[in-house]
Amino acid sequence: MSAAEVMNLAKQLPEMEVLDLARMLEAWTAAMVDQKFEAAVKSGAFDQMAADALHELEAGNTIALDEVLHDPRLS
């Protein structure tokens, strides 16, 4: 069954069932993303990025989060 076919079936559901389906899909997709992220961490995919971040922190080459969040150019 295709996603389009599932969508057509979902359109026939009562509103509360659609909302329940949306919550279930959100939880399912979040779990998939979490699994992929955990696999990437375990494989070492982020090791160099973490090392670079620590090096920048130790060198004082960081910006306080408050400065970034309150930057008028970003709003």
Protein backbone atom coordinates (compact mmCIF):
# COMPACT_ATOMS: atom_id res chain seq x y z
CA MET A 1 0.00 0.00 0.00
CA SER A 2 1.33 3.44 -0.88
CA ALA A 3 1.44 6.52 1.32
CA ALA A 4 -1.14 8.14 -0.96
CA GLU A 5 -3.49 5.20 -0.43
CA VAL A 6 -3.01 5.39 3.33
CA MET A 7 -3.72 9.13 3.20
CA ASN A 8 -6.94 8.53 1.29
CA LEU A 9 -8.01 6.05 3.95
CA ALA A 10 -7.03 8.45 6.73
CA LYS A 11 -9.25 11.12 5.19
CA GLN A 12 -12.21 8.85 5.88
CA LEU A 13 -11.50 8.64 9.61
CA PRO A 14 -13.30 10.70 12.25
CA GLU A 15 -11.33 13.71 13.47
CA MET A 16 -10.32 12.14 16.79
CA GLU A 17 -9.00 9.04 15.01
CA VAL A 18 -6.96 11.25 12.68
CA LEU A 19 -5.45 13.02 15.69
CA ASP A 20 -4.64 9.68 17.31
CA LEU A 21 -3.05 8.48 14.07
CA ALA A 22 -0.97 11.64 13.86
CA ARG A 23 0.30 11.13 17.42
CA MET A 24 1.19 7.51 16.67
CA LEU A 25 3.03 8.49 13.48
CA GLU A 26 4.91 11.24 15.27
CA ALA A 27 6.05 8.84 18.00
CA TRP A 28 7.05 6.23 15.43
CA THR A 29 9.07 8.65 13.30
CA ALA A 30 10.71 10.16 16.40
CA ALA A 31 11.80 6.67 17.44
CA MET A 32 13.27 6.06 13.98
CA VAL A 33 15.25 9.31 14.14
CA ASP A 34 16.46 8.46 17.65
CA GLN A 35 17.65 5.03 16.49
CA LYS A 36 19.54 6.52 13.54
CA PHE A 37 21.15 9.16 15.77
CA GLU A 38 22.17 6.57 18.36
CA ALA A 39 23.68 4.38 15.63
CA ALA A 40 25.64 7.37 14.28
CA VAL A 41 26.95 8.19 17.76
CA LYS A 42 27.97 4.57 18.37
CA SER A 43 29.71 4.41 14.99
CA GLY A 44 31.85 7.42 15.90
CA ALA A 45 30.30 9.69 13.28
CA PHE A 46 30.29 12.61 15.71
CA ASP A 47 33.67 12.03 17.38
CA GLN A 48 35.57 14.58 15.29
CA MET A 49 32.78 17.15 15.62
CA ALA A 50 32.85 16.73 19.42
CA ALA A 51 36.65 17.00 19.49
CA ASP A 52 36.51 20.18 17.40
CA ALA A 53 33.87 21.68 19.70
CA LEU A 54 35.94 20.92 22.80
CA HIS A 55 39.03 22.44 21.16
CA GLU A 56 37.10 25.63 20.35
CA LEU A 57 35.76 25.78 23.91
CA GLU A 58 39.22 25.32 25.43
CA ALA A 59 40.62 28.01 23.09
CA GLY A 60 37.89 30.44 24.15
CA ASN A 61 36.45 30.59 20.64
CA THR A 62 32.83 30.28 21.70
CA ILE A 63 29.92 32.67 21.97
CA ALA A 64 27.53 32.66 24.92
CA LEU A 65 24.14 31.30 23.96
CA ASP A 66 22.43 34.43 25.31
CA GLU A 67 24.43 36.54 22.86
CA VAL A 68 23.29 34.39 19.97
CA LEU A 69 19.66 34.29 21.07
CA HIS A 70 19.49 38.05 21.60
CA ASP A 71 21.24 38.98 18.36
CA PRO A 72 18.77 41.31 16.54
CA ARG A 73 20.10 40.11 13.21
CA LEU A 74 18.66 36.68 13.93
CA SER A 75 15.12 37.72 14.82
